[in-house]
Protein backbone atom coordinates (compact mmCIF):
# COMPACT_ATOMS: atom_id res chain seq x y z
CA MET A 1 0.00 0.00 0.00
CA SER A 2 1.55 3.30 -1.12
CA LEU A 3 1.68 6.58 0.69
CA TYR A 4 -0.66 8.14 -1.87
CA THR A 5 -3.28 5.37 -1.43
CA THR A 6 -3.19 5.59 2.35
CA TYR A 7 -3.38 9.38 2.46
CA PRO A 8 -5.69 10.57 -0.41
CA ARG A 9 -5.36 14.26 0.34
CA PHE A 10 -1.59 13.96 0.03
CA GLN A 11 -2.12 12.31 -3.33
CA LYS A 12 -4.64 14.95 -4.44
CA HIS A 13 -2.95 18.12 -3.37
CA GLY A 14 0.64 16.92 -3.15
CA LEU A 15 0.63 18.15 0.44
CA ALA A 16 -0.15 16.68 3.82
CA ASN A 17 -1.89 18.32 6.77
CA LYS A 18 -0.65 18.04 10.31
CA HIS A 19 -2.73 14.94 10.96
CA SER A 20 -1.26 13.16 7.96
CA LEU A 21 2.31 14.06 8.91
CA ASP A 22 1.77 12.73 12.41
CA ALA A 23 0.52 9.43 10.98
CA ILE A 24 3.58 9.20 8.74
CA ARG A 25 5.94 9.85 11.64
CA SER A 26 4.13 7.29 13.78
CA ARG A 27 4.38 4.63 11.09
CA ALA A 28 8.09 5.33 10.52
CA SER A 29 8.74 4.98 14.23
CA GLU A 30 6.89 1.66 14.31
CA LEU A 31 8.99 0.37 11.42
CA SER A 32 12.22 1.54 13.06
CA ALA A 33 11.25 -0.12 16.32
CA SER A 34 10.51 -3.43 14.56
CA ILE A 35 13.61 -3.49 12.31
CA ILE A 36 16.22 -3.48 15.06
CA PRO A 37 14.79 -6.44 17.04
CA ALA A 38 14.25 -8.38 13.80
CA LEU A 39 17.86 -7.82 12.72
CA GLU A 40 19.20 -8.71 16.15
CA SER A 41 17.11 -11.88 16.25
CA ALA A 42 18.30 -12.90 12.74
CA LEU A 43 21.92 -12.15 13.71
CA GLN A 44 21.66 -14.24 16.87
CA ASN A 45 20.15 -17.13 14.91
CA ALA A 46 22.96 -16.91 12.37
CA HIS A 47 25.59 -16.91 15.15
CA ARG A 48 23.99 -19.93 16.82
CA GLU A 49 23.89 -21.85 13.55
CA ARG A 50 27.51 -20.96 12.77
CA ASP A 51 28.67 -22.08 16.23
CA LEU A 52 26.78 -25.34 15.88
CA LEU A 53 28.37 -26.06 12.51
CA GLN A 54 31.83 -25.12 13.80
CA ASN A 55 31.42 -27.49 16.73
CA GLN A 56 30.52 -30.25 14.30
CA LEU A 57 33.62 -29.49 12.21
CA ASP A 58 35.85 -29.42 15.30
CA ALA A 59 34.49 -32.78 16.36
CA TYR A 60 35.25 -34.22 12.89
CA GLN A 61 38.74 -32.80 12.28
CA TYR A 62 41.35 -34.83 14.17
CA PRO A 63 39.98 -34.20 17.70
CA VAL A 64 42.90 -36.05 19.35
CA VAL A 65 45.86 -35.62 16.98
CA ASP A 66 45.37 -31.89 16.68
CA LYS A 67 45.72 -31.50 20.45
CA LEU A 68 48.80 -33.70 20.90
CA PRO A 69 52.09 -32.09 21.97
CA PRO A 70 54.44 -31.44 19.01
CA GLU A 71 56.94 -34.01 20.34
CA ILE A 72 54.37 -36.83 20.13
CA THR A 73 53.10 -35.68 16.73
CA SER A 74 56.64 -35.69 15.33
CA GLU A 75 57.19 -39.20 16.72
CA ILE A 76 54.04 -40.36 14.93
CA PHE A 77 55.37 -38.81 11.71
CA VAL A 78 58.71 -40.61 12.04
CA ASN A 79 57.03 -43.98 12.64
CA PHE A 80 54.76 -43.49 9.63
CA LEU A 81 57.76 -43.45 7.25
CA PRO A 82 59.72 -46.58 6.21
CA PRO A 83 61.99 -47.48 9.15
CA TYR A 84 65.48 -46.02 9.02
CA PRO A 85 67.89 -46.68 7.33
CA ALA A 86 65.42 -47.24 4.48
CA CYS A 87 65.12 -44.07 2.40
CA PRO A 88 61.57 -42.77 1.86
CA PRO A 89 60.57 -41.74 -1.67
CA ALA A 90 61.11 -38.17 -2.81
CA SER A 91 57.36 -37.60 -3.13
CA GLY A 92 54.06 -39.35 -2.56
CA LEU A 93 52.36 -40.99 0.39
CA PHE A 94 55.45 -42.20 2.23
CA SER A 95 57.52 -39.07 1.67
CA PRO A 96 58.02 -36.68 4.62
CA TRP A 97 56.78 -33.89 2.38
CA ILE A 98 53.26 -35.31 2.74
CA PHE A 99 53.05 -33.85 6.26
CA CYS A 100 53.80 -30.38 4.91
CA GLN A 101 50.63 -30.46 2.78
CA ILE A 102 48.04 -31.06 5.51
CA CYS A 103 48.01 -27.87 7.56
CA ARG A 104 50.35 -25.16 8.81
CA ARG A 105 50.81 -26.77 12.23
CA TRP A 106 51.82 -30.13 10.75
CA ARG A 107 54.12 -28.40 8.28
CA ASP A 108 55.91 -26.54 11.10
CA ILE A 109 56.31 -29.77 13.08
CA ALA A 110 57.62 -31.70 10.07
CA LEU A 111 60.16 -29.05 9.10
CA THR A 112 61.53 -28.97 12.65
CA THR A 113 61.84 -32.76 13.03
CA PRO A 114 65.36 -33.60 11.70
CA SER A 115 64.90 -37.38 11.91
CA LEU A 116 62.18 -37.16 9.23
CA TRP A 117 64.75 -36.05 6.68
CA ARG A 118 67.73 -38.30 7.43
CA GLY A 119 66.92 -40.91 4.74
CA ILE A 120 67.68 -39.38 1.32
CA GLU A 121 67.11 -41.11 -2.01
CA LEU A 122 68.03 -39.43 -5.29
CA HIS A 123 68.22 -41.27 -8.62
CA LEU A 124 69.49 -39.08 -11.46
CA ASP A 125 69.32 -39.56 -15.20
CA ASP A 126 70.70 -37.58 -18.15
CA LYS A 127 67.77 -35.13 -18.24
CA GLU A 128 69.85 -32.12 -17.27
CA GLN A 129 66.88 -29.73 -17.21
CA PHE A 130 65.71 -31.30 -13.94
CA HIS A 131 69.11 -31.32 -12.21
CA LYS A 132 68.86 -27.81 -10.76
CA SER A 133 65.62 -28.56 -8.91
CA GLN A 134 66.93 -31.97 -7.83
CA LEU A 135 70.09 -30.39 -6.42
CA HIS A 136 67.97 -27.88 -4.49
CA TRP A 137 65.83 -30.74 -3.16
CA LEU A 138 68.96 -32.62 -2.05
CA GLU A 139 70.49 -29.61 -0.28
CA THR A 140 67.17 -28.87 1.45
CA ARG A 141 66.92 -32.41 2.81
CA LEU A 142 70.51 -32.33 4.02
CA SER A 143 69.86 -29.03 5.79
CA LEU A 144 66.60 -30.17 7.41
CA SER A 145 68.29 -33.31 8.81
CA LYS A 146 70.49 -31.08 11.05
CA GLN A 147 72.97 -33.32 12.92
CA CYS A 148 71.19 -36.66 12.46
CA SER A 149 73.02 -39.66 11.04
CA LEU A 150 72.30 -40.11 7.33
CA SER A 151 71.20 -42.91 5.05
CA ILE A 152 71.90 -41.82 1.45
CA ASP A 153 71.02 -43.49 -1.85
CA LEU A 154 72.64 -41.48 -4.66
CA ARG A 155 72.67 -43.07 -8.13
CA TYR A 156 73.21 -42.05 -11.71
CA THR A 157 70.79 -44.38 -13.48
CA THR A 158 71.81 -43.72 -17.09
CA PRO A 159 74.75 -45.95 -18.17
CA VAL A 160 77.76 -43.74 -18.79
CA ASP A 161 79.31 -44.00 -22.24
CA PRO A 162 82.76 -42.37 -22.17
CA ASN A 163 82.29 -41.37 -25.81
CA LYS A 164 79.16 -39.31 -25.13
CA PHE A 165 78.37 -36.25 -23.04
CA HIS A 166 76.68 -36.83 -19.71
CA PRO A 167 75.70 -34.15 -17.17
CA SER A 168 78.20 -33.92 -14.35
CA MET A 169 77.28 -35.39 -10.99
CA LYS A 170 79.99 -33.33 -9.28
CA PRO A 171 77.54 -30.83 -7.64
CA PHE A 172 75.56 -33.71 -6.16
CA VAL A 173 78.63 -35.56 -4.92
CA ASP A 174 80.00 -32.31 -3.48
CA ALA A 175 76.71 -31.69 -1.67
CA VAL A 176 76.65 -35.09 0.07
CA ILE A 177 80.39 -35.27 0.78
CA ARG A 178 80.11 -32.07 2.84
CA HIS A 179 78.02 -34.14 5.25
CA CYS A 180 80.14 -37.31 5.12
CA ALA A 181 80.83 -37.10 8.87
CA ARG A 182 77.15 -38.06 9.35
CA TRP A 183 77.03 -40.91 6.80
CA GLU A 184 75.87 -44.22 8.28
CA GLU A 185 74.30 -46.25 5.45
CA VAL A 186 75.29 -45.22 1.93
CA VAL A 187 74.47 -46.33 -1.63
CA MET A 188 76.81 -44.62 -4.07
CA ARG A 189 76.65 -45.39 -7.80
CA VAL A 190 78.37 -42.61 -9.71
CA PRO A 191 80.58 -42.28 -12.81
CA LEU A 192 84.21 -43.23 -12.30
CA ARG A 193 85.31 -39.68 -13.11
CA ASP A 194 83.55 -38.49 -9.91
CA CYS A 195 84.79 -41.24 -7.60
CA ASP A 196 87.89 -39.33 -6.52
CA LEU A 197 85.57 -36.82 -4.83
CA LEU A 198 84.43 -39.46 -2.34
CA ASP A 199 87.01 -38.69 0.28
CA GLY A 200 86.76 -37.41 3.84
CA ASP A 201 86.37 -38.46 7.45
CA MET A 202 83.40 -40.81 7.87
CA PRO A 203 83.39 -41.81 11.54
CA MET A 204 79.81 -43.16 11.47
CA LEU A 205 79.85 -45.09 8.17
CA ARG A 206 78.85 -48.73 8.69
CA SER A 207 77.51 -49.98 5.37
CA LEU A 208 78.28 -49.06 1.77
CA GLN A 209 76.77 -50.18 -1.51
CA PHE A 210 79.17 -49.09 -4.18
CA GLY A 211 79.69 -49.31 -7.91
CA ALA A 212 80.37 -47.17 -10.94
CA SER A 213 77.68 -46.27 -13.46
CA ASP A 214 80.17 -46.67 -16.32
CA THR A 215 79.37 -49.83 -18.27
CA LEU A 216 81.62 -49.95 -21.33
CA LEU A 217 84.70 -50.12 -19.14
CA GLN A 218 83.90 -53.72 -18.31
CA ALA A 219 85.29 -54.78 -21.66
CA SER A 220 88.82 -54.59 -20.27
CA PRO A 221 88.86 -56.32 -16.89
CA GLY A 222 91.77 -55.59 -14.63
CA VAL A 223 92.81 -52.50 -16.62
CA ALA A 224 92.56 -49.30 -14.61
CA ILE A 225 91.08 -46.58 -16.84
CA PHE A 226 91.63 -43.94 -14.17
CA PRO A 227 94.34 -43.74 -11.49
CA PRO A 228 93.31 -45.77 -8.42
CA SER A 229 91.08 -43.79 -6.07
CA THR A 230 91.60 -43.86 -2.32
CA ILE A 231 88.07 -43.65 -0.89
CA PHE A 232 86.18 -44.58 2.25
CA THR A 233 89.45 -45.19 4.10
CA SER A 234 88.75 -42.83 7.02
CA ALA A 235 85.80 -44.90 8.21
CA PRO A 236 86.72 -46.88 11.34
CA GLN A 237 83.23 -48.46 11.71
CA PHE A 238 82.92 -49.49 8.05
CA ARG A 239 82.14 -53.23 8.07
CA THR A 240 79.63 -54.11 5.30
CA LEU A 241 80.23 -53.66 1.57
CA TYR A 242 77.76 -54.36 -1.26
CA LEU A 243 79.29 -54.32 -4.74
CA ASP A 244 77.41 -53.53 -7.93
CA SER A 245 78.05 -54.79 -11.42
CA TYR A 246 81.13 -52.82 -12.40
CA PHE A 247 83.90 -52.92 -9.86
CA SER A 248 87.60 -53.60 -10.01
CA PRO A 249 89.62 -53.70 -6.78
CA SER A 250 92.60 -52.41 -8.76
CA ASP A 251 90.72 -49.15 -9.38
CA PHE A 252 89.92 -48.41 -5.73
CA VAL A 253 91.79 -48.40 -2.45
CA LEU A 254 89.27 -49.45 0.19
CA PRO A 255 89.83 -50.49 3.83
CA TRP A 256 89.48 -54.17 2.90
CA ALA A 257 91.08 -55.53 6.06
CA GLN A 258 88.36 -54.14 8.36
CA LEU A 259 85.41 -55.48 6.36
CA THR A 260 83.43 -58.38 7.83
CA THR A 261 80.66 -58.70 5.20
CA ILE A 262 80.95 -58.45 1.42
CA ILE A 263 78.00 -59.06 -0.90
CA VAL A 264 78.35 -58.98 -4.68
CA ASN A 265 74.97 -58.06 -6.17
CA ASP A 266 75.98 -58.87 -9.73
CA GLY A 267 78.69 -60.86 -11.48
CA LEU A 268 82.35 -59.89 -10.94
CA TYR A 269 85.27 -61.32 -12.85
CA ASP A 270 86.93 -64.28 -11.16
CA ASN A 271 90.25 -62.46 -10.82
CA GLU A 272 88.45 -59.54 -9.10
CA CYS A 273 86.77 -61.95 -6.67
CA ALA A 274 90.17 -63.47 -5.94
CA ASP A 275 91.58 -60.01 -5.18
CA ILE A 276 88.68 -59.24 -2.84
CA LEU A 277 89.21 -62.48 -0.91
CA ARG A 278 92.95 -61.84 -0.77
CA TYR A 279 92.56 -58.33 0.69
CA SER A 280 89.64 -58.99 3.07
CA VAL A 281 91.39 -61.03 5.73
CA ASN A 282 88.72 -60.50 8.41
CA LEU A 283 85.67 -61.60 6.41
CA GLU A 284 82.87 -63.36 8.31
CA HIS A 285 80.10 -63.40 5.66
CA CYS A 286 80.57 -63.37 1.90
CA ILE A 287 78.34 -63.72 -1.17
CA LEU A 288 80.14 -63.92 -4.53
CA THR A 289 78.75 -64.18 -8.05
CA VAL A 290 81.56 -65.02 -10.47
CA VAL A 291 82.03 -64.73 -14.23
CA ASP A 292 85.18 -65.67 -16.16
CA ALA A 293 87.44 -62.82 -17.12
CA PRO A 294 88.65 -63.15 -20.73
CA ALA A 295 92.36 -63.85 -21.11
CA GLU A 296 93.12 -63.24 -17.46
CA VAL A 297 95.35 -65.24 -15.15
CA ILE A 298 93.99 -65.77 -11.62
CA ASP A 299 96.37 -65.38 -8.73
CA LEU A 300 95.20 -68.15 -6.39
CA ALA A 301 97.61 -67.30 -3.56
CA ILE A 302 95.00 -66.47 -0.94
CA SER A 303 95.78 -66.67 2.78
CA PRO A 304 93.41 -68.71 4.99
CA LEU A 305 90.31 -66.74 5.89
CA LEU A 306 90.23 -67.55 9.58
CA HIS A 307 86.94 -65.82 10.43
CA LEU A 308 84.75 -66.65 7.42
CA LYS A 309 81.62 -68.45 8.66
CA ARG A 310 79.22 -68.12 5.72
CA LEU A 311 80.05 -68.35 2.02
CA LEU A 312 77.55 -68.25 -0.84
CA PHE A 313 79.37 -68.87 -4.12
CA TYR A 314 77.47 -68.62 -7.40
CA ASP A 315 78.23 -68.62 -11.10
CA PHE A 316 76.92 -65.71 -13.13
CA ILE A 317 75.99 -68.09 -15.96
CA ALA A 318 74.23 -71.44 -15.77
CA THR A 319 77.30 -73.60 -16.48
CA PRO A 320 79.97 -73.31 -13.77
CA SER A 321 83.40 -72.34 -14.99
CA SER A 322 86.44 -74.42 -14.19
CA ARG A 323 88.26 -71.26 -13.09
CA ALA A 324 85.58 -70.45 -10.53
CA LYS A 325 85.97 -73.99 -9.19
CA GLU A 326 89.71 -73.40 -9.04
CA LEU A 327 89.07 -70.30 -6.97
CA LEU A 328 86.95 -72.25 -4.50
CA GLY A 329 89.58 -74.97 -4.49
CA SER A 330 92.24 -72.51 -3.32
CA LEU A 331 90.36 -71.38 -0.19
CA VAL A 332 91.10 -72.50 3.37
CA LEU A 333 88.19 -71.66 5.68
CA PRO A 334 88.60 -73.19 9.16
CA SER A 335 85.57 -71.36 10.68
CA LEU A 336 83.13 -72.09 7.84
CA THR A 337 79.71 -73.35 8.99
CA THR A 338 77.49 -72.46 6.00
CA LEU A 339 78.29 -73.03 2.33
CA GLU A 340 75.90 -72.55 -0.60
CA LEU A 341 76.81 -73.30 -4.22
CA SER A 342 74.95 -73.21 -7.52
CA ALA A 343 73.32 -76.56 -8.30
CA ASP A 344 75.46 -77.02 -11.42
CA TRP A 345 78.54 -77.19 -9.25
CA PHE A 346 77.55 -80.74 -8.27
CA VAL A 347 77.74 -82.04 -11.85
CA PRO A 348 79.34 -84.43 -12.74
CA ASP A 349 81.13 -85.05 -9.42
CA PRO A 350 78.65 -84.43 -6.57
CA GLY A 351 80.19 -83.06 -3.45
CA ALA A 352 83.81 -83.33 -4.54
CA SER A 353 84.49 -79.61 -4.10
CA ILE A 354 82.82 -79.56 -0.69
CA ALA A 355 84.62 -82.68 0.51
CA ALA A 356 87.98 -81.24 -0.53
CA LEU A 357 87.21 -77.92 1.18
CA VAL A 358 86.20 -79.60 4.45
CA LEU A 359 89.27 -81.81 4.42
CA ARG A 360 91.59 -78.94 3.60
CA SER A 361 90.08 -76.48 6.12
CA GLY A 362 89.07 -78.77 8.97
CA CYS A 363 85.73 -76.96 9.18
CA LYS A 364 82.32 -78.29 10.28
CA LEU A 365 79.58 -77.41 7.85
């Protein structure tokens, strides 16, 4: 209903008498008096509904975890990851970065928990455009780990052809070697040209998986392409060595005499296996996979291995070589209790090699 319909004289003359003006003022006051309580009531209802919804959200969002002390939350984070010294993936569900993506509080806790970042895995290829970001990622992880012991898995996954250009791994090796005093478990598979960088005091190093990513160099066994590198020698606790496919003891000076466990993950030439057994006088556990070296003479003068308790001796190919059998036939192992050979070793003379070893060594298998 309009003002002109309610007050005809106002509509007719365009003016209002005193009575009409009083009615207008009275109606305006009534409206003003009703608006404020209506707004306040609506505002209160809105506040009550908001508080109810917020309470429901609070009850749904991590009611216990969100209230835990930071020390307990960080311990939960650490136990969620693969157990150390296993290295968590760089990204994804089981990466420590996952905690930085939930909320600000979890991010702050994760970034101030050094033990979350002490397992570092980085596998590089020849895609140089990604190396800058990968180097930044590596340096960030090393920094976040503070003074924790480190488990590092650094590999160049593209086989290195000396006749082709490959991006240098030197910045990555330099980055990790600056923290070598904290190394505990290390996988290092880098080009031979970068191996001389792997030097420094490593008082905590216990286990090393080592090999070169160069592959074509295997064509000339026993020939040192580079001058021998002295590496991992300042590591008084170094006891366990895993060797990858390309490795020649003549290329590297390692603290062989202090090693108690050597595991060859892939085939090594028989003369290289003989050198390893000759140098490693304190071996207790050994796994060897042997392949014949072309046109090589094996030096079978190996001193008795007085502490070797467990020997697993395999051929890299199905048919056992006579030279590998000669190598086994040269060993004296008085403490040996466990021996495992490829099945083909028992053909055509079952047990002859074992019987000779037991008789020669005086061991009890």
